Protein backbone atom coordinates (compact mmCIF):
# COMPACT_ATOMS: atom_id res chain seq x y z
CA MET A 1 0.20 -0.03 0.06
CA THR A 2 0.86 3.66 -0.27
CA CYS A 3 2.74 6.04 -2.67
CA ILE A 4 4.80 8.90 -1.56
CA VAL A 5 6.19 11.28 -4.32
CA GLY A 6 8.86 13.92 -4.20
CA LEU A 7 9.91 16.54 -6.56
CA VAL A 8 13.03 19.05 -6.29
CA CYS A 9 12.50 22.39 -7.87
CA ASP A 10 14.16 25.70 -7.67
CA GLY A 11 15.64 24.83 -4.26
CA GLN A 12 12.50 23.68 -2.74
CA VAL A 13 11.41 20.00 -1.81
CA TYR A 14 7.67 18.91 -2.68
CA LEU A 15 6.07 15.80 -1.19
CA GLY A 16 2.65 14.23 -2.06
CA GLY A 17 1.05 11.22 -0.43
CA ASP A 18 -1.98 8.94 -0.86
CA SER A 19 -4.46 8.04 1.98
CA ALA A 20 -4.89 4.16 1.63
CA SER A 21 -4.36 1.86 4.27
CA ASN A 22 -4.74 -1.72 4.98
CA SER A 23 -5.16 -2.71 1.42
CA ASN A 24 -5.49 -6.13 -0.06
CA ASP A 25 -6.87 -7.79 -3.14
CA HIS A 26 -10.33 -7.24 -2.00
CA SER A 27 -10.58 -4.14 0.21
CA ILE A 28 -8.88 -1.01 1.15
CA THR A 29 -9.44 1.65 4.16
CA ILE A 30 -9.04 5.37 3.55
CA VAL A 31 -7.54 7.23 6.35
CA LYS A 32 -7.61 11.11 7.50
CA ASN A 33 -4.27 11.01 8.96
CA PRO A 34 -1.65 12.38 6.32
CA LYS A 35 1.51 10.46 5.37
CA VAL A 36 3.49 13.36 4.53
CA PHE A 37 4.04 16.52 6.67
CA ARG A 38 6.38 19.32 7.70
CA LYS A 39 8.79 19.12 10.56
CA GLY A 40 10.55 22.44 11.05
CA ALA A 41 12.92 22.74 8.33
CA PHE A 42 11.98 19.15 6.98
CA VAL A 43 9.10 17.63 4.95
CA MET A 44 8.73 13.94 5.22
CA GLY A 45 6.41 11.22 3.91
CA TYR A 46 6.29 7.66 4.82
CA THR A 47 5.33 4.15 4.03
CA SER A 48 6.16 0.71 5.92
CA SER A 49 4.04 1.50 9.21
CA TRP A 50 1.82 3.92 10.65
CA ARG A 51 3.43 3.59 13.92
CA MET A 52 7.01 4.40 12.37
CA GLY A 53 5.43 7.44 10.62
CA GLN A 54 3.65 8.62 14.06
CA LEU A 55 6.69 8.51 15.72
CA ILE A 56 8.66 10.63 13.26
CA GLN A 57 5.82 12.93 12.82
CA TYR A 58 5.10 13.45 16.58
CA GLN A 59 8.26 12.61 18.58
CA PHE A 60 11.26 13.02 16.29
CA MET A 61 13.34 15.87 17.15
CA PRO A 62 15.74 16.31 14.34
CA PRO A 63 19.38 17.08 15.74
CA GLU A 64 20.86 20.39 15.13
CA ARG A 65 23.22 20.67 12.05
CA ASP A 66 26.49 22.18 12.36
CA LEU A 67 26.46 24.57 9.46
CA GLN A 68 30.00 23.66 8.39
CA GLN A 69 28.96 20.02 8.19
CA ASP A 70 27.98 18.60 4.58
CA VAL A 71 24.11 17.99 4.25
CA MET A 72 24.74 14.36 3.44
CA GLU A 73 27.17 13.67 6.15
CA TYR A 74 24.39 15.13 8.57
CA MET A 75 21.92 12.83 7.29
CA VAL A 76 23.86 9.67 7.44
CA THR A 77 25.22 10.43 10.73
CA SER A 78 23.28 12.75 13.13
CA PHE A 79 19.69 12.36 11.30
CA ILE A 80 19.93 8.78 11.20
CA GLY A 81 21.27 8.43 14.59
CA GLY A 82 18.36 10.39 15.91
CA ILE A 83 15.88 8.41 14.04
CA ARG A 84 17.47 4.85 15.14
CA ASN A 85 17.18 6.18 18.71
CA LEU A 86 13.81 7.17 18.42
CA PHE A 87 12.80 3.87 16.99
CA LYS A 88 14.47 1.80 19.70
CA GLU A 89 12.67 4.05 22.39
CA GLY A 90 9.34 3.93 20.45
CA GLY A 91 9.44 0.10 20.10
CA TRP A 92 9.54 0.10 16.52
CA ALA A 93 13.26 -0.79 15.76
CA LYS A 94 13.51 -4.55 14.41
CA ILE A 95 16.55 -6.71 14.55
CA GLU A 96 16.94 -9.48 11.98
CA ASN A 97 20.09 -11.60 11.53
CA SER A 98 21.82 -9.28 13.98
CA GLN A 99 20.81 -6.18 11.63
CA GLU A 100 18.66 -3.47 12.88
CA GLN A 101 15.80 -2.51 10.54
CA GLY A 102 13.53 0.48 10.36
CA GLY A 103 11.14 1.63 7.52
CA SER A 104 11.00 3.50 4.26
CA PHE A 105 10.53 7.25 4.14
CA LEU A 106 11.33 10.46 2.11
CA VAL A 107 13.00 13.54 3.55
CA GLY A 108 13.16 16.84 1.96
CA TYR A 109 15.76 19.02 3.46
CA GLN A 110 18.04 22.04 2.44
CA GLY A 111 16.66 21.83 -1.20
CA ARG A 112 17.50 18.01 -1.40
CA LEU A 113 15.54 14.91 -1.54
CA PHE A 114 16.57 11.60 0.41
CA THR A 115 15.42 8.20 0.59
CA ILE A 116 15.76 6.55 3.78
CA HIS A 117 15.40 2.77 3.31
CA GLY A 118 14.58 -0.03 5.91
CA ASP A 119 18.45 -0.60 6.67
CA TYR A 120 18.90 3.27 7.42
CA GLN A 121 20.58 3.85 4.15
CA VAL A 122 20.42 7.32 2.86
CA ALA A 123 20.09 7.71 -0.80
CA GLU A 124 19.90 10.69 -3.02
CA SER A 125 18.81 10.12 -6.55
CA ALA A 126 20.49 11.68 -9.48
CA ASN A 127 16.79 12.73 -10.61
CA PRO A 128 15.00 15.42 -9.18
CA TYR A 129 12.30 13.23 -8.12
CA GLU A 130 11.46 10.03 -6.09
CA ALA A 131 8.79 7.62 -5.15
CA ILE A 132 8.25 5.26 -2.39
CA GLY A 133 5.65 2.51 -1.64
CA SER A 134 3.67 -0.12 -3.59
CA GLY A 135 2.79 2.49 -6.32
CA ALA A 136 6.37 3.91 -6.63
CA ASN A 137 7.26 2.51 -10.15
CA ILE A 138 4.11 3.81 -11.60
CA ALA A 139 4.59 7.13 -10.00
CA LEU A 140 8.38 7.36 -11.23
CA GLY A 141 7.46 6.80 -14.85
CA ALA A 142 4.84 9.40 -14.67
CA LEU A 143 7.45 11.85 -12.84
CA PHE A 144 9.98 11.02 -15.49
CA THR A 145 7.45 11.75 -18.43
CA LEU A 146 6.20 15.07 -16.88
CA THR A 147 9.44 16.68 -15.58
CA THR A 148 11.24 15.91 -18.86
CA ALA A 149 8.58 17.21 -21.10
CA LYS A 150 9.28 20.26 -23.28
CA ASN A 151 6.43 22.18 -21.59
CA PHE A 152 7.54 21.31 -17.94
CA ASP A 153 5.74 23.76 -15.92
CA LYS A 154 7.52 24.91 -12.79
CA THR A 155 4.63 26.50 -11.42
CA ALA A 156 2.43 23.43 -11.60
CA ILE A 157 4.46 21.18 -9.29
CA GLN A 158 1.41 20.17 -7.16
CA ASP A 159 -0.39 19.12 -10.59
CA ILE A 160 2.65 17.18 -11.50
CA LEU A 161 2.75 15.18 -7.84
CA GLN A 162 -1.07 14.82 -8.29
CA PHE A 163 -0.88 13.29 -11.80
CA ALA A 164 1.89 10.92 -10.67
CA LEU A 165 -0.28 9.77 -7.62
CA ASP A 166 -3.39 9.60 -10.05
CA ALA A 167 -1.19 7.32 -12.29
CA SER A 168 -0.17 5.12 -9.40
CA SER A 169 -3.84 5.07 -7.89
CA LYS A 170 -5.07 3.94 -11.59
CA HIS A 171 -3.04 1.13 -11.83
CA ASN A 172 -2.16 0.08 -8.36
CA SER A 173 -4.93 -1.10 -5.80
CA GLY A 174 -2.89 -0.01 -2.83
CA VAL A 175 -2.97 3.70 -3.63
CA ALA A 176 -5.93 5.79 -3.38
CA PRO A 177 -7.10 9.60 -3.01
CA PRO A 178 -7.40 12.07 -1.25
CA TYR A 179 -3.87 13.25 -1.45
CA THR A 180 -1.92 15.44 0.83
CA PHE A 181 0.71 17.88 -0.29
CA VAL A 182 3.40 19.79 1.68
CA SER A 183 6.69 21.69 0.85
CA THR A 184 9.60 22.99 2.39
CA GLU A 185 9.52 26.83 2.74
CA LYS A 186 12.33 28.95 0.84
């Protein structure tokens, strides 16, 4: 279930997320609580678990970044260290084969878009867009098409995210509207 999409444009990060929960081949639940949100200088959107997302949204206090520290270095060290501690304290961290596991989420920070994977890997795509969740591949195709078109309209970012979510919803039974959108502040 789920599709979270992100796009970087002119130094700002935009996220969109669907409202599907507990989907299977025969049923789906639409929820009120959003999967994308703003937290200070960050925007985040999650899949994997409601508990994980709620811990990040309501309990996580992102560590301060030394302005001399590279943003990727900060994300890999301080940010992930804070997330790991949060998951342990909140009862969400899992240990499988002696390896700690979390969940997947997107993070927009300092005009950059990061994907946090279940093993706490921090990845930054070479593309200005990313998607996670069961509908990610469909959304990525739509984002590629919409952002590389000759008539790419930088003033219609929310429309682009909505088209990607609509494509995902149309072709994946675990993705459904309504959608929520957030962006970092300039």
